[in-house]
Amino acid sequence: MSLQPNRAGGRPGFATLSLDYPISLGVYEKYEDAQKAVDTLSDKEFPVQNVLIVGTDLKQIERVTARLTWGRVILGGLLSGVWLGVFVGLILSLFGQPASTFGLLLFAAMWGGLFGVVWAAAGYAFTRGQRDFSSVTQVVATRYEVFCEHKFAQQGREILAAAGLGSTAAPIVQPTTPPTTPPTTPPSSDSYRPPSV
């Protein structure tokens, strides 16, 4: 189950799509693998409310389904218009008291079909032959990265490593205190040279 982000004025209790200090637990090529990693964490009672799956390197895929002709455009417009007309006719028959429900549905289907043909023909004529094909489009991610809050990152990586779910993320480096350097002594006066002009 996924939740929408909590927008201003939205319902309280919805998860936000951000983490305070995210650290990567792993990078996966398929969403199913990232989902399996999070499910494994959940099975081990890991606090998964601190986990985020991010799809990166987005690409758009367009699959061409057919070549468009005037006949195909008009037939498609007619069928979609008839369905729309039947739907509107059913709605009207529910809220009204028509003399004949079948007559109302037939009348609405005819007008819907006419509207669909005109609308589809106008849209196809507007392209002027520059797009004579139909297609379906989808945006997909090339890879999926699983993040979690920094305070749970080491535990999460240990669970995933024990489960055999490979991680391509860099290991966690614990912060160290910077080494103290002795103060530098100013150069002696005999080594001073004026800047050249």
C-alpha atoms as a PDB file:
ATOM      1  CA  MET A   1       0.000   0.000   0.000  1.00  0.00           C
ATOM      2  CA  SER A   2       1.411   3.395  -0.943  1.00  0.00           C
ATOM      3  CA  LEU A   3       0.451   6.773   0.426  1.00  0.00           C
ATOM      4  CA  GLN A   4       0.337  10.153  -1.231  1.00  0.00           C
ATOM      5  CA  PRO A   5       2.531  12.916   0.178  1.00  0.00           C
ATOM      6  CA  ASN A   6       1.112  15.136   2.878  1.00  0.00           C
ATOM      7  CA  ARG A   7       0.430  18.420   1.114  1.00  0.00           C
ATOM      8  CA  ALA A   8      -0.425  21.661   2.848  1.00  0.00           C
ATOM      9  CA  GLY A   9      -3.924  21.304   4.214  1.00  0.00           C
ATOM     10  CA  GLY A  10      -3.899  17.571   3.463  1.00  0.00           C
ATOM     11  CA  ARG A  11      -5.047  14.814   5.776  1.00  0.00           C
ATOM     12  CA  PRO A  12      -2.769  14.328   8.765  1.00  0.00           C
ATOM     13  CA  GLY A  13      -0.985  11.014   9.147  1.00  0.00           C
ATOM     14  CA  PHE A  14       0.016  10.601   5.525  1.00  0.00           C
ATOM     15  CA  ALA A  15       3.696   9.813   4.988  1.00  0.00           C
ATOM     16  CA  THR A  16       5.897  12.441   3.384  1.00  0.00           C
ATOM     17  CA  LEU A  17       8.167  11.534   0.521  1.00  0.00           C
ATOM     18  CA  SER A  18      11.408  12.617   2.168  1.00  0.00           C
ATOM     19  CA  LEU A  19      13.924  11.559   4.783  1.00  0.00           C
ATOM     20  CA  ASP A  20      16.009  13.849   6.979  1.00  0.00           C
ATOM     21  CA  TYR A  21      19.418  12.224   6.409  1.00  0.00           C
ATOM     22  CA  PRO A  22      18.995   9.486   3.775  1.00  0.00           C
ATOM     23  CA  ILE A  23      21.693   6.864   3.221  1.00  0.00           C
ATOM     24  CA  SER A  24      21.562   4.328   0.401  1.00  0.00           C
ATOM     25  CA  LEU A  25      21.020   0.686   1.301  1.00  0.00           C
ATOM     26  CA  GLY A  26      21.227  -0.631  -2.239  1.00  0.00           C
ATOM     27  CA  VAL A  27      20.658  -0.048  -5.943  1.00  0.00           C
ATOM     28  CA  TYR A  28      18.522  -2.446  -7.980  1.00  0.00           C
ATOM     29  CA  GLU A  29      17.773  -2.702 -11.689  1.00  0.00           C
ATOM     30  CA  LYS A  30      14.147  -3.804 -11.224  1.00  0.00           C
ATOM     31  CA  TYR A  31      11.454  -2.397  -8.983  1.00  0.00           C
ATOM     32  CA  GLU A  32      10.570  -5.927  -7.887  1.00  0.00           C
ATOM     33  CA  ASP A  33      14.098  -6.351  -6.463  1.00  0.00           C
ATOM     34  CA  ALA A  34      13.844  -3.078  -4.511  1.00  0.00           C
ATOM     35  CA  GLN A  35      10.407  -4.122  -3.257  1.00  0.00           C
ATOM     36  CA  LYS A  36      11.817  -7.504  -2.197  1.00  0.00           C
ATOM     37  CA  ALA A  37      14.604  -5.746  -0.271  1.00  0.00           C
ATOM     38  CA  VAL A  38      12.090  -3.592   1.624  1.00  0.00           C
ATOM     39  CA  ASP A  39       9.883  -6.620   2.258  1.00  0.00           C
ATOM     40  CA  THR A  40      12.899  -8.475   3.688  1.00  0.00           C
ATOM     41  CA  LEU A  41      13.584  -5.538   6.000  1.00  0.00           C
ATOM     42  CA  SER A  42       9.948  -5.564   7.080  1.00  0.00           C
ATOM     43  CA  ASP A  43      10.048  -9.304   7.815  1.00  0.00           C
ATOM     44  CA  LYS A  44      13.027  -8.717  10.118  1.00  0.00           C
ATOM     45  CA  GLU A  45      11.051  -6.044  12.029  1.00  0.00           C
ATOM     46  CA  PHE A  46      13.169  -3.221  10.620  1.00  0.00           C
ATOM     47  CA  PRO A  47      11.466   0.205  11.032  1.00  0.00           C
ATOM     48  CA  VAL A  48      10.413   0.434   7.382  1.00  0.00           C
ATOM     49  CA  GLN A  49       8.628   3.743   7.947  1.00  0.00           C
ATOM     50  CA  ASN A  50      12.160   5.189   7.602  1.00  0.00           C
ATOM     51  CA  VAL A  51      12.672   3.684   4.117  1.00  0.00           C
ATOM     52  CA  LEU A  52      12.284   5.325   0.711  1.00  0.00           C
ATOM     53  CA  ILE A  53      12.414   3.749  -2.776  1.00  0.00           C
ATOM     54  CA  VAL A  54      13.587   6.178  -5.459  1.00  0.00           C
ATOM     55  CA  GLY A  55      13.428   5.457  -9.185  1.00  0.00           C
ATOM     56  CA  THR A  56      16.265   7.191 -11.018  1.00  0.00           C
ATOM     57  CA  ASP A  57      17.417   7.645 -14.621  1.00  0.00           C
ATOM     58  CA  LEU A  58      13.879   7.986 -15.970  1.00  0.00           C
ATOM     59  CA  LYS A  59      13.155   7.165 -19.585  1.00  0.00           C
ATOM     60  CA  GLN A  60      10.023   7.364 -21.686  1.00  0.00           C
ATOM     61  CA  ILE A  61       8.973   4.318 -23.691  1.00  0.00           C
ATOM     62  CA  GLU A  62       6.491   4.705 -26.530  1.00  0.00           C
ATOM     63  CA  ARG A  63       5.117   1.532 -28.080  1.00  0.00           C
ATOM     64  CA  VAL A  64       3.583   2.017 -31.535  1.00  0.00           C
ATOM     65  CA  THR A  65       0.378  -0.006 -31.732  1.00  0.00           C
ATOM     66  CA  ALA A  66      -1.042   0.661 -35.214  1.00  0.00           C
ATOM     67  CA  ARG A  67      -0.923   2.791 -38.356  1.00  0.00           C
ATOM     68  CA  LEU A  68      -3.662   5.420 -38.471  1.00  0.00           C
ATOM     69  CA  THR A  69      -5.906   5.815 -41.506  1.00  0.00           C
ATOM     70  CA  TRP A  70      -9.104   7.806 -41.945  1.00  0.00           C
ATOM     71  CA  GLY A  71     -11.149   4.619 -41.678  1.00  0.00           C
ATOM     72  CA  ARG A  72      -9.467   3.551 -38.443  1.00  0.00           C
ATOM     73  CA  VAL A  73      -9.823   7.055 -36.958  1.00  0.00           C
ATOM     74  CA  ILE A  74     -13.528   7.296 -37.798  1.00  0.00           C
ATOM     75  CA  LEU A  75     -14.247   3.769 -36.528  1.00  0.00           C
ATOM     76  CA  GLY A  76     -12.392   4.457 -33.271  1.00  0.00           C
ATOM     77  CA  GLY A  77     -14.254   7.753 -32.797  1.00  0.00           C
ATOM     78  CA  LEU A  78     -17.591   6.074 -33.508  1.00  0.00           C
ATOM     79  CA  LEU A  79     -17.010   3.274 -30.981  1.00  0.00           C
ATOM     80  CA  SER A  80     -15.773   5.546 -28.203  1.00  0.00           C
ATOM     81  CA  GLY A  81     -18.634   7.973 -28.857  1.00  0.00           C
ATOM     82  CA  VAL A  82     -21.238   5.187 -28.708  1.00  0.00           C
ATOM     83  CA  TRP A  83     -19.856   3.999 -25.364  1.00  0.00           C
ATOM     84  CA  LEU A  84     -19.901   7.533 -24.011  1.00  0.00           C
ATOM     85  CA  GLY A  85     -23.477   8.005 -25.246  1.00  0.00           C
ATOM     86  CA  VAL A  86     -24.654   4.755 -23.641  1.00  0.00           C
ATOM     87  CA  PHE A  87     -23.032   5.788 -20.350  1.00  0.00           C
ATOM     88  CA  VAL A  88     -24.737   9.209 -20.413  1.00  0.00           C
ATOM     89  CA  GLY A  89     -28.021   7.520 -21.334  1.00  0.00           C
ATOM     90  CA  LEU A  90     -27.754   5.171 -18.362  1.00  0.00           C
ATOM     91  CA  ILE A  91     -27.084   8.089 -16.012  1.00  0.00           C
ATOM     92  CA  LEU A  92     -30.089   9.988 -17.383  1.00  0.00           C
ATOM     93  CA  SER A  93     -32.337   6.920 -17.069  1.00  0.00           C
ATOM     94  CA  LEU A  94     -31.337   6.498 -13.415  1.00  0.00           C
ATOM     95  CA  PHE A  95     -32.202  10.071 -12.441  1.00  0.00           C
ATOM     96  CA  GLY A  96     -35.158  10.626 -14.727  1.00  0.00           C
ATOM     97  CA  GLN A  97     -38.352   8.813 -15.610  1.00  0.00           C
ATOM     98  CA  PRO A  98     -38.036   8.232 -19.377  1.00  0.00           C
ATOM     99  CA  ALA A  99     -40.987   6.827 -21.305  1.00  0.00           C
ATOM    100  CA  SER A 100     -38.693   4.192 -22.809  1.00  0.00           C
ATOM    101  CA  THR A 101     -35.270   3.404 -21.332  1.00  0.00           C
ATOM    102  CA  PHE A 102     -34.243   1.543 -24.484  1.00  0.00           C
ATOM    103  CA  GLY A 103     -35.226   4.515 -26.646  1.00  0.00           C
ATOM    104  CA  LEU A 104     -33.228   6.893 -24.448  1.00  0.00           C
ATOM    105  CA  LEU A 105     -30.154   4.628 -24.645  1.00  0.00           C
ATOM    106  CA  LEU A 106     -30.442   4.343 -28.421  1.00  0.00           C
ATOM    107  CA  PHE A 107     -30.857   8.110 -28.820  1.00  0.00           C
ATOM    108  CA  ALA A 108     -27.879   8.828 -26.538  1.00  0.00           C
ATOM    109  CA  ALA A 109     -25.726   6.220 -28.346  1.00  0.00           C
ATOM    110  CA  MET A 110     -26.488   7.782 -31.751  1.00  0.00           C
ATOM    111  CA  TRP A 111     -25.622  11.292 -30.599  1.00  0.00           C
ATOM    112  CA  GLY A 112     -22.523   9.987 -28.789  1.00  0.00           C
ATOM    113  CA  GLY A 113     -21.375   8.185 -31.941  1.00  0.00           C
ATOM    114  CA  LEU A 114     -21.850  11.316 -34.051  1.00  0.00           C
ATOM    115  CA  PHE A 115     -19.962  13.409 -31.514  1.00  0.00           C
ATOM    116  CA  GLY A 116     -17.148  10.815 -31.365  1.00  0.00           C
ATOM    117  CA  VAL A 117     -16.737  10.726 -35.160  1.00  0.00           C
ATOM    118  CA  VAL A 118     -16.617  14.530 -35.439  1.00  0.00           C
ATOM    119  CA  TRP A 119     -14.184  14.867 -32.526  1.00  0.00           C
ATOM    120  CA  ALA A 120     -11.830  12.121 -33.786  1.00  0.00           C
ATOM    121  CA  ALA A 121     -11.885  13.419 -37.369  1.00  0.00           C
ATOM    122  CA  ALA A 122     -11.140  16.981 -36.247  1.00  0.00           C
ATOM    123  CA  GLY A 123      -8.246  15.796 -34.079  1.00  0.00           C
ATOM    124  CA  TYR A 124      -6.762  13.693 -36.884  1.00  0.00           C
ATOM    125  CA  ALA A 125      -7.146  16.477 -39.443  1.00  0.00           C
ATOM    126  CA  PHE A 126      -5.396  18.859 -37.057  1.00  0.00           C
ATOM    127  CA  THR A 127      -2.216  16.697 -37.117  1.00  0.00           C
ATOM    128  CA  ARG A 128      -2.021  17.082 -40.925  1.00  0.00           C
ATOM    129  CA  GLY A 129      -0.434  13.688 -41.401  1.00  0.00           C
ATOM    130  CA  GLN A 130       2.492  14.342 -39.061  1.00  0.00           C
ATOM    131  CA  ARG A 131       1.471  11.547 -36.695  1.00  0.00           C
ATOM    132  CA  ASP A 132      -0.099   8.704 -38.651  1.00  0.00           C
ATOM    133  CA  PHE A 133       0.205   6.117 -35.917  1.00  0.00           C
ATOM    134  CA  SER A 134      -1.273   5.313 -32.525  1.00  0.00           C
ATOM    135  CA  SER A 135       0.847   4.431 -29.514  1.00  0.00           C
ATOM    136  CA  VAL A 136       0.941   3.951 -25.752  1.00  0.00           C
ATOM    137  CA  THR A 137       3.511   5.740 -23.606  1.00  0.00           C
ATOM    138  CA  GLN A 138       4.998   4.908 -20.220  1.00  0.00           C
ATOM    139  CA  VAL A 139       7.707   6.523 -18.087  1.00  0.00           C
ATOM    140  CA  VAL A 140       9.916   3.967 -16.339  1.00  0.00           C
ATOM    141  CA  ALA A 141      13.030   4.130 -14.173  1.00  0.00           C
ATOM    142  CA  THR A 142      16.292   2.488 -15.204  1.00  0.00           C
ATOM    143  CA  ARG A 143      17.270   1.694 -11.633  1.00  0.00           C
ATOM    144  CA  TYR A 144      15.766   1.846  -8.147  1.00  0.00           C
ATOM    145  CA  GLU A 145      17.620   2.896  -5.028  1.00  0.00           C
ATOM    146  CA  VAL A 146      16.510   2.067  -1.485  1.00  0.00           C
ATOM    147  CA  PHE A 147      17.277   4.731   1.129  1.00  0.00           C
ATOM    148  CA  CYS A 148      16.744   4.858   4.869  1.00  0.00           C
ATOM    149  CA  GLU A 149      17.438   7.219   7.750  1.00  0.00           C
ATOM    150  CA  HIS A 150      21.114   7.355   8.660  1.00  0.00           C
ATOM    151  CA  LYS A 151      20.565   5.988  12.176  1.00  0.00           C
ATOM    152  CA  PHE A 152      19.167   2.703  10.795  1.00  0.00           C
ATOM    153  CA  ALA A 153      21.436   2.330   7.758  1.00  0.00           C
ATOM    154  CA  GLN A 154      23.986  -0.084   9.234  1.00  0.00           C
ATOM    155  CA  GLN A 155      21.246  -2.363  10.585  1.00  0.00           C
ATOM    156  CA  GLY A 156      19.467  -2.328   7.219  1.00  0.00           C
ATOM    157  CA  ARG A 157      22.620  -3.212   5.294  1.00  0.00           C
ATOM    158  CA  GLU A 158      23.387  -6.082   7.643  1.00  0.00           C
ATOM    159  CA  ILE A 159      19.875  -7.509   7.172  1.00  0.00           C
ATOM    160  CA  LEU A 160      20.094  -7.245   3.367  1.00  0.00           C
ATOM    161  CA  ALA A 161      23.600  -8.760   3.313  1.00  0.00           C
ATOM    162  CA  ALA A 162      22.447 -11.699   5.461  1.00  0.00           C
ATOM    163  CA  ALA A 163      19.505 -12.244   3.088  1.00  0.00           C
ATOM    164  CA  GLY A 164      21.834 -12.318   0.073  1.00  0.00           C
ATOM    165  CA  LEU A 165      20.347  -9.231  -1.532  1.00  0.00           C
ATOM    166  CA  GLY A 166      23.408  -7.614  -3.083  1.00  0.00           C
ATOM    167  CA  SER A 167      23.985  -3.940  -2.552  1.00  0.00           C
ATOM    168  CA  THR A 168      25.966  -1.684  -4.829  1.00  0.00           C
ATOM    169  CA  ALA A 169      25.926   1.178  -2.349  1.00  0.00           C
ATOM    170  CA  ALA A 170      29.145   2.421  -0.807  1.00  0.00           C
ATOM    171  CA  PRO A 171      29.842   1.221   2.743  1.00  0.00           C
ATOM    172  CA  ILE A 172      28.948   3.517   5.603  1.00  0.00           C
ATOM    173  CA  VAL A 173      31.940   5.455   6.838  1.00  0.00           C
ATOM    174  CA  GLN A 174      31.681   6.526  10.443  1.00  0.00           C
ATOM    175  CA  PRO A 175      32.582  10.193  10.887  1.00  0.00           C
ATOM    176  CA  THR A 176      35.933  10.779  12.507  1.00  0.00           C
ATOM    177  CA  THR A 177      37.291  13.853  14.191  1.00  0.00           C
ATOM    178  CA  PRO A 178      39.594  15.799  11.896  1.00  0.00           C
ATOM    179  CA  PRO A 179      43.269  15.560  12.868  1.00  0.00           C
ATOM    180  CA  THR A 180      44.646  18.573  14.617  1.00  0.00           C
ATOM    181  CA  THR A 181      47.363  20.297  12.662  1.00  0.00           C
ATOM    182  CA  PRO A 182      50.040  22.366  14.347  1.00  0.00           C
ATOM    183  CA  PRO A 183      49.770  26.076  13.680  1.00  0.00           C
ATOM    184  CA  THR A 184      51.874  27.211  10.773  1.00  0.00           C
ATOM    185  CA  THR A 185      54.738  29.565  11.503  1.00  0.00           C
ATOM    186  CA  PRO A 186      54.940  32.751   9.498  1.00  0.00           C
ATOM    187  CA  PRO A 187      57.748  32.833   6.919  1.00  0.00           C
ATOM    188  CA  SER A 188      60.971  34.433   7.984  1.00  0.00           C
ATOM    189  CA  SER A 189      61.813  37.902   6.734  1.00  0.00           C
ATOM    190  CA  ASP A 190      64.788  36.701   4.664  1.00  0.00           C
ATOM    191  CA  SER A 191      62.552  34.415   2.555  1.00  0.00           C
ATOM    192  CA  TYR A 192      60.078  37.188   1.717  1.00  0.00           C
ATOM    193  CA  ARG A 193      59.951  38.285  -1.920  1.00  0.00           C
ATOM    194  CA  PRO A 194      57.746  41.103  -3.154  1.00  0.00           C
ATOM    195  CA  PRO A 195      55.195  40.123  -5.777  1.00  0.00           C
ATOM    196  CA  SER A 196      56.254  40.738  -9.351  1.00  0.00           C
ATOM    197  CA  VAL A 197      54.332  43.363 -11.255  1.00  0.00           C
END
